[in-house]
Amino acid sequence: MKKYGALILGLALSWQSVEAKTILISDIDDTIKNSHILDLKDKLLSPTYTENSVRGMSQIYEIIRRQYADKGETLPFFYVTNAPWKIMGKIHTSFLSKHGFPQGAVLFREDLDNKEHKVETITELLATEKPDTVIFVGDNGEKDILVYNTFTSDAKYSNIKFFTYIRMPYYSVENKESLALLPKQEGFATSFDLLLSWVNNGLVDAQKIVSDDKKSKDEIDWSASVENFIVNFTINLADESETEKHGVLSFPHWMDCRDVQVPNDSLRNLTDEVKMFAVVALDTVQKRCSTAARPKVEND
């Protein structure tokens, strides 16, 4: 495999070349980090805001990683980004480590003139890893919708089962730089509704508990189960201010997720105990995604 301009998240981790049945390919900016990449000012300042993680994304990535490991399967993570290696290499890997994302290869763009970096990188990943299943996670701010569709619509890859999830922080009707979903793609606004999709698509077991032995007995392990995560997410979502722009947030003030519709029946595979919290979170997400972006925060 060629050199990608890649860093291995976790410093001491060696990237195994053993072929895995399932791999997860994730974007970074506006997918797991609130970068506001379609705003020129925020795009330029984004490297300085390493605190701007999308609430809960690292936790649900850890949930799915643990559940695969508990089945005796490796779930490799590949963070494929258009961010330039020379500028964002250390910044993005520091961000991923700081917020506890699963270890994996971080694949940057080396040539700023290369508009096909993601397509070329994913093409080589599929050829090298030879997966049976691919989980794509991206956003509608740049070209992830088109990039992922390149593979899911190609008969050459008909032997691979694809799941494509697109975070929708931009409203495609009003923002001409953003894109609407294509067939076989699922939109999401927050880590909560993405996790619900994983549960309903059979990628994550809502009943399974996989604790981290490194956690102390007095420390709640929010990534141990879907139930733990939903309780934590609901509590923290209620504390978010409507004018916040920086920090760990589900809804930065600029986000306009009116393209997202989270159906009420998305809670169908949860236990009654979890649903008490999930109903509250679902209601908040539905209300937030029924209105336009919040007023601009001044003096930022």
Protein backbone atom coordinates (compact mmCIF):
# COMPACT_ATOMS: atom_id res chain seq x y z
CA MET A 1 0.00 0.00 0.00
CA LYS A 2 1.27 3.46 -0.90
CA LYS A 3 2.18 6.10 1.65
CA TYR A 4 -0.90 8.26 2.22
CA GLY A 5 0.41 11.09 4.32
CA ALA A 6 -1.04 9.07 7.15
CA LEU A 7 -0.60 9.17 10.88
CA ILE A 8 -1.53 6.29 13.11
CA LEU A 9 -3.74 7.58 15.89
CA GLY A 10 -2.62 6.34 19.27
CA LEU A 11 1.10 6.77 18.68
CA ALA A 12 2.03 3.25 19.73
CA LEU A 13 -0.58 1.54 17.57
CA SER A 14 0.64 -0.42 14.59
CA TRP A 15 -1.87 -0.58 11.76
CA GLN A 16 -2.65 -4.22 11.19
CA SER A 17 -2.82 -5.34 7.59
CA VAL A 18 -4.94 -8.34 8.46
CA GLU A 19 -8.05 -8.25 6.30
CA ALA A 20 -11.15 -7.32 8.31
CA LYS A 21 -14.73 -8.21 7.42
CA THR A 22 -15.96 -4.71 8.27
CA ILE A 23 -14.20 -1.36 8.12
CA LEU A 24 -15.37 2.12 9.11
CA ILE A 25 -14.34 5.10 6.97
CA SER A 26 -14.99 8.50 8.52
CA ASP A 27 -14.51 12.09 7.50
CA ILE A 28 -13.40 14.61 10.15
CA ASP A 29 -14.45 18.22 9.47
CA ASP A 30 -18.20 18.77 10.07
CA THR A 31 -18.62 15.02 10.59
CA ILE A 32 -16.98 14.49 13.96
CA LYS A 33 -15.64 18.03 14.41
CA ASN A 34 -17.76 21.20 14.21
CA SER A 35 -15.60 23.08 11.72
CA HIS A 36 -18.20 25.13 9.76
CA ILE A 37 -16.16 24.42 6.68
CA LEU A 38 -18.53 26.30 4.33
CA ASP A 39 -17.88 29.57 6.14
CA LEU A 40 -14.59 31.09 5.01
CA LYS A 41 -13.74 32.74 8.34
CA ASP A 42 -14.50 29.66 10.40
CA LYS A 43 -12.72 27.43 7.89
CA LEU A 44 -9.54 29.46 8.34
CA LEU A 45 -9.90 29.57 12.13
CA SER A 46 -10.99 25.94 12.51
CA PRO A 47 -7.46 24.59 13.14
CA THR A 48 -7.30 26.61 16.35
CA TYR A 49 -10.54 25.17 17.74
CA THR A 50 -9.52 21.68 18.80
CA GLU A 51 -12.26 21.64 21.43
CA ASN A 52 -15.04 21.61 18.81
CA SER A 53 -15.92 17.92 18.85
CA VAL A 54 -19.40 16.82 17.79
CA ARG A 55 -20.99 15.66 21.02
CA GLY A 56 -21.01 11.90 21.46
CA MET A 57 -19.30 10.91 18.21
CA SER A 58 -16.19 9.54 19.90
CA GLN A 59 -18.39 7.60 22.33
CA ILE A 60 -20.53 5.92 19.68
CA TYR A 61 -17.43 5.11 17.61
CA GLU A 62 -16.08 3.45 20.74
CA ILE A 63 -19.38 1.61 21.28
CA ILE A 64 -19.32 0.04 17.83
CA ARG A 65 -15.59 -0.74 18.09
CA ARG A 66 -16.09 -2.55 21.41
CA GLN A 67 -19.09 -4.50 20.19
CA TYR A 68 -17.17 -5.81 17.19
CA ALA A 69 -14.20 -6.67 19.43
CA ASP A 70 -16.56 -8.49 21.81
CA LYS A 71 -17.60 -10.68 18.86
CA GLY A 72 -13.95 -11.41 18.16
CA GLU A 73 -13.87 -9.14 15.11
CA THR A 74 -11.54 -6.25 14.37
CA LEU A 75 -13.20 -3.03 13.20
CA PRO A 76 -10.47 -0.85 11.67
CA PHE A 77 -11.09 2.91 11.56
CA PHE A 78 -9.84 5.03 8.67
CA TYR A 79 -10.18 8.79 9.03
CA VAL A 80 -10.08 10.01 5.41
CA THR A 81 -9.89 13.79 5.20
CA ASN A 82 -9.25 16.41 2.54
CA ALA A 83 -7.33 18.42 5.12
CA PRO A 84 -3.74 19.06 3.99
CA TRP A 85 -1.11 16.95 5.73
CA LYS A 86 1.42 19.76 6.18
CA ILE A 87 -1.06 22.11 7.88
CA MET A 88 -3.47 19.80 9.70
CA GLY A 89 -1.47 16.62 10.33
CA LYS A 90 -0.62 17.20 13.97
CA ILE A 91 -3.77 19.24 14.67
CA HIS A 92 -6.26 16.62 13.52
CA THR A 93 -4.45 13.70 15.13
CA SER A 94 -4.24 15.68 18.36
CA PHE A 95 -7.98 16.38 18.10
CA LEU A 96 -8.81 12.70 17.63
CA SER A 97 -6.64 11.64 20.54
CA LYS A 98 -7.83 14.45 22.83
CA HIS A 99 -11.48 13.49 22.37
CA GLY A 100 -10.97 9.73 22.68
CA PHE A 101 -11.74 8.57 19.15
CA PRO A 102 -10.77 4.98 18.36
CA GLN A 103 -7.27 4.46 17.07
CA GLY A 104 -6.84 4.19 13.34
CA ALA A 105 -5.10 5.52 10.25
CA VAL A 106 -5.58 9.23 9.56
CA LEU A 107 -5.30 9.74 5.81
CA PHE A 108 -4.57 13.31 4.73
CA ARG A 109 -4.31 15.03 1.38
CA GLU A 110 -0.69 15.59 0.43
CA ASP A 111 -1.25 17.46 -2.84
CA LEU A 112 -3.57 20.47 -2.52
CA ASP A 113 -4.32 20.26 -6.24
CA ASN A 114 -5.59 16.69 -5.94
CA LYS A 115 -9.38 16.92 -6.02
CA GLU A 116 -9.72 13.13 -6.10
CA HIS A 117 -7.85 12.39 -2.88
CA LYS A 118 -10.77 10.73 -1.12
CA VAL A 119 -11.83 8.63 -4.10
CA GLU A 120 -8.26 7.49 -4.72
CA THR A 121 -7.63 6.74 -1.05
CA ILE A 122 -10.85 4.78 -0.55
CA THR A 123 -10.28 2.87 -3.79
CA GLU A 124 -6.93 1.69 -2.47
CA LEU A 125 -8.35 0.90 0.95
CA LEU A 126 -11.01 -1.35 -0.56
CA ALA A 127 -8.42 -3.09 -2.72
CA THR A 128 -6.08 -3.64 0.22
CA GLU A 129 -8.53 -4.43 3.03
CA LYS A 130 -10.99 -6.44 0.90
CA PRO A 131 -13.89 -5.89 3.33
CA ASP A 132 -17.30 -7.55 3.20
CA THR A 133 -18.93 -4.50 4.80
CA VAL A 134 -18.06 -0.80 4.75
CA ILE A 135 -19.53 1.83 7.07
CA PHE A 136 -19.18 5.32 5.59
CA VAL A 137 -19.66 8.37 7.85
CA GLY A 138 -19.42 11.85 6.33
CA ASP A 139 -21.30 15.13 5.98
CA ASN A 140 -23.11 17.26 3.40
CA GLY A 141 -20.72 20.20 3.63
CA GLU A 142 -18.26 19.11 0.98
CA LYS A 143 -18.38 16.13 -1.37
CA ASP A 144 -18.76 13.09 0.89
CA ILE A 145 -22.21 12.38 -0.55
CA LEU A 146 -20.75 12.12 -4.06
CA VAL A 147 -17.53 10.40 -2.99
CA TYR A 148 -19.31 7.62 -1.11
CA ASN A 149 -21.87 7.23 -3.90
CA THR A 150 -18.97 6.59 -6.30
CA PHE A 151 -18.49 3.24 -4.58
CA THR A 152 -22.00 2.30 -3.50
CA SER A 153 -23.35 2.77 -7.06
CA ASP A 154 -20.48 0.96 -8.80
CA ALA A 155 -21.25 -2.62 -9.85
CA LYS A 156 -17.57 -3.37 -9.33
CA TYR A 157 -18.23 -3.29 -5.59
CA SER A 158 -21.50 -5.21 -5.61
CA ASN A 159 -19.92 -7.85 -3.36
CA ILE A 160 -19.54 -5.28 -0.56
CA LYS A 161 -22.39 -4.29 1.74
CA PHE A 162 -22.29 -0.52 2.25
CA PHE A 163 -23.88 1.59 4.97
CA THR A 164 -23.68 5.33 4.31
CA TYR A 165 -24.43 7.90 7.00
CA ILE A 166 -24.28 11.63 6.29
CA ARG A 167 -24.34 14.32 8.97
CA MET A 168 -26.46 17.22 7.72
CA PRO A 169 -25.31 20.46 9.39
CA TYR A 170 -26.20 22.51 6.28
CA TYR A 171 -29.64 23.01 4.73
CA SER A 172 -29.27 22.09 1.06
CA VAL A 173 -32.29 24.15 -0.03
CA GLU A 174 -30.65 27.42 1.07
CA ASN A 175 -26.95 26.54 0.96
CA LYS A 176 -25.96 25.83 -2.63
CA GLU A 177 -22.59 24.43 -1.57
CA SER A 178 -24.22 21.62 0.40
CA LEU A 179 -25.82 18.55 -1.11
CA ALA A 180 -29.01 16.58 -0.62
CA LEU A 181 -28.84 12.86 0.08
CA LEU A 182 -28.63 10.31 -2.69
CA PRO A 183 -30.36 6.89 -2.67
CA LYS A 184 -29.23 4.42 0.01
CA GLN A 185 -27.81 7.22 2.18
CA GLU A 186 -29.12 8.03 5.66
CA GLY A 187 -28.91 11.51 7.10
CA PHE A 188 -28.33 12.34 10.74
CA ALA A 189 -28.00 15.46 12.84
CA THR A 190 -26.39 14.17 16.02
CA SER A 191 -24.50 11.17 17.37
CA PHE A 192 -27.76 10.12 19.05
CA ASP A 193 -29.74 9.61 15.85
CA LEU A 194 -26.70 8.07 14.13
CA LEU A 195 -26.50 5.51 16.93
CA LEU A 196 -30.22 4.79 16.53
CA SER A 197 -29.61 4.09 12.83
CA TRP A 198 -26.78 1.71 13.72
CA VAL A 199 -29.07 -0.11 16.15
CA ASN A 200 -31.94 -0.35 13.66
CA ASN A 201 -29.58 -1.51 10.88
CA GLY A 202 -28.14 -4.26 13.08
CA LEU A 203 -24.65 -2.78 13.37
CA VAL A 204 -24.96 -2.21 17.12
CA ASP A 205 -26.82 -4.26 19.74
CA ALA A 206 -28.90 -2.00 21.99
CA GLN A 207 -28.83 -4.59 24.79
CA LYS A 208 -25.13 -5.41 24.85
CA ILE A 209 -22.82 -4.06 27.57
CA VAL A 210 -19.08 -4.01 26.90
CA SER A 211 -17.22 -2.21 29.67
CA ASP A 212 -13.68 -0.85 29.57
CA ASP A 213 -11.58 -2.63 32.18
CA LYS A 214 -9.42 0.49 32.48
CA LYS A 215 -12.30 2.48 33.96
CA SER A 216 -12.44 2.71 37.73
CA LYS A 217 -15.41 1.12 39.47
CA ASP A 218 -16.66 4.56 40.54
CA GLU A 219 -16.47 6.02 37.03
CA ILE A 220 -19.48 5.67 34.73
CA ASP A 221 -18.44 4.19 31.39
CA TRP A 222 -20.65 6.08 28.94
CA SER A 223 -19.39 3.96 26.02
CA ALA A 224 -20.22 0.65 27.68
CA SER A 225 -23.71 0.45 26.23
CA VAL A 226 -26.34 2.20 24.16
CA GLU A 227 -28.33 2.81 27.35
CA ASN A 228 -25.44 4.51 29.11
CA PHE A 229 -24.77 6.68 26.09
CA ILE A 230 -28.37 7.80 25.64
CA VAL A 231 -28.67 8.80 29.30
CA ASN A 232 -25.45 10.80 29.11
CA PHE A 233 -26.35 12.37 25.75
CA THR A 234 -29.81 13.45 26.90
CA ILE A 235 -28.51 15.10 30.07
CA ASN A 236 -25.75 16.98 28.26
CA LEU A 237 -27.94 18.01 25.34
CA ALA A 238 -30.30 19.72 27.77
CA ASP A 239 -27.40 21.83 29.05
CA GLU A 240 -26.39 23.18 25.63
CA SER A 241 -26.87 26.91 25.17
CA GLU A 242 -28.57 28.08 21.97
CA THR A 243 -25.80 30.61 21.33
CA GLU A 244 -22.76 28.39 21.88
CA LYS A 245 -20.32 28.16 19.02
CA HIS A 246 -17.28 26.44 20.53
CA GLY A 247 -16.81 23.38 22.69
CA VAL A 248 -18.31 19.89 22.59
CA LEU A 249 -21.69 20.51 20.96
CA SER A 250 -24.45 18.71 19.10
CA PHE A 251 -25.81 21.93 17.66
CA PRO A 252 -23.36 24.80 17.15
CA HIS A 253 -25.37 27.99 16.57
CA TRP A 254 -24.69 28.00 12.80
CA MET A 255 -26.07 24.50 12.18
CA ASP A 256 -29.20 24.22 10.02
CA CYS A 257 -30.31 20.58 9.89
CA ARG A 258 -33.74 21.00 8.31
CA ASP A 259 -32.82 18.30 5.79
CA VAL A 260 -32.86 15.74 8.63
CA GLN A 261 -35.98 13.91 9.68
CA VAL A 262 -35.67 11.49 12.60
CA PRO A 263 -38.79 9.28 12.63
CA ASN A 264 -40.55 8.46 15.89
CA ASP A 265 -40.24 4.74 15.21
CA SER A 266 -36.44 5.00 15.36
CA LEU A 267 -36.74 4.13 19.06
CA ARG A 268 -38.41 0.79 18.31
CA ASN A 269 -35.45 -1.39 19.31
CA LEU A 270 -34.81 0.27 22.67
CA THR A 271 -35.97 -1.02 26.04
CA ASP A 272 -38.71 0.88 27.90
CA GLU A 273 -36.17 2.11 30.46
CA VAL A 274 -33.97 3.67 27.78
CA LYS A 275 -36.92 5.10 25.90
CA MET A 276 -37.70 7.42 28.82
CA PHE A 277 -34.50 9.29 28.06
CA ALA A 278 -34.51 8.68 24.31
CA VAL A 279 -37.93 10.28 23.86
CA VAL A 280 -36.61 13.50 25.40
CA ALA A 281 -33.51 13.50 23.20
CA LEU A 282 -35.54 12.67 20.09
CA ASP A 283 -37.96 15.52 20.78
CA THR A 284 -35.06 17.97 21.16
CA VAL A 285 -33.42 16.84 17.93
CA GLN A 286 -36.69 16.99 15.99
CA LYS A 287 -37.46 20.50 17.24
CA ARG A 288 -33.94 21.77 16.57
CA CYS A 289 -34.01 20.39 13.03
CA SER A 290 -37.38 21.97 12.28
CA THR A 291 -36.01 25.51 12.47
CA ALA A 292 -33.31 27.55 10.76
CA ALA A 293 -29.85 28.24 12.22
CA ARG A 294 -29.67 30.37 15.34
CA PRO A 295 -28.69 34.05 15.17
CA LYS A 296 -25.00 34.74 14.51
CA VAL A 297 -22.83 35.02 17.61
CA GLU A 298 -21.08 38.37 17.61
CA ASN A 299 -17.64 39.23 18.97
CA ASP A 300 -16.43 35.69 18.34
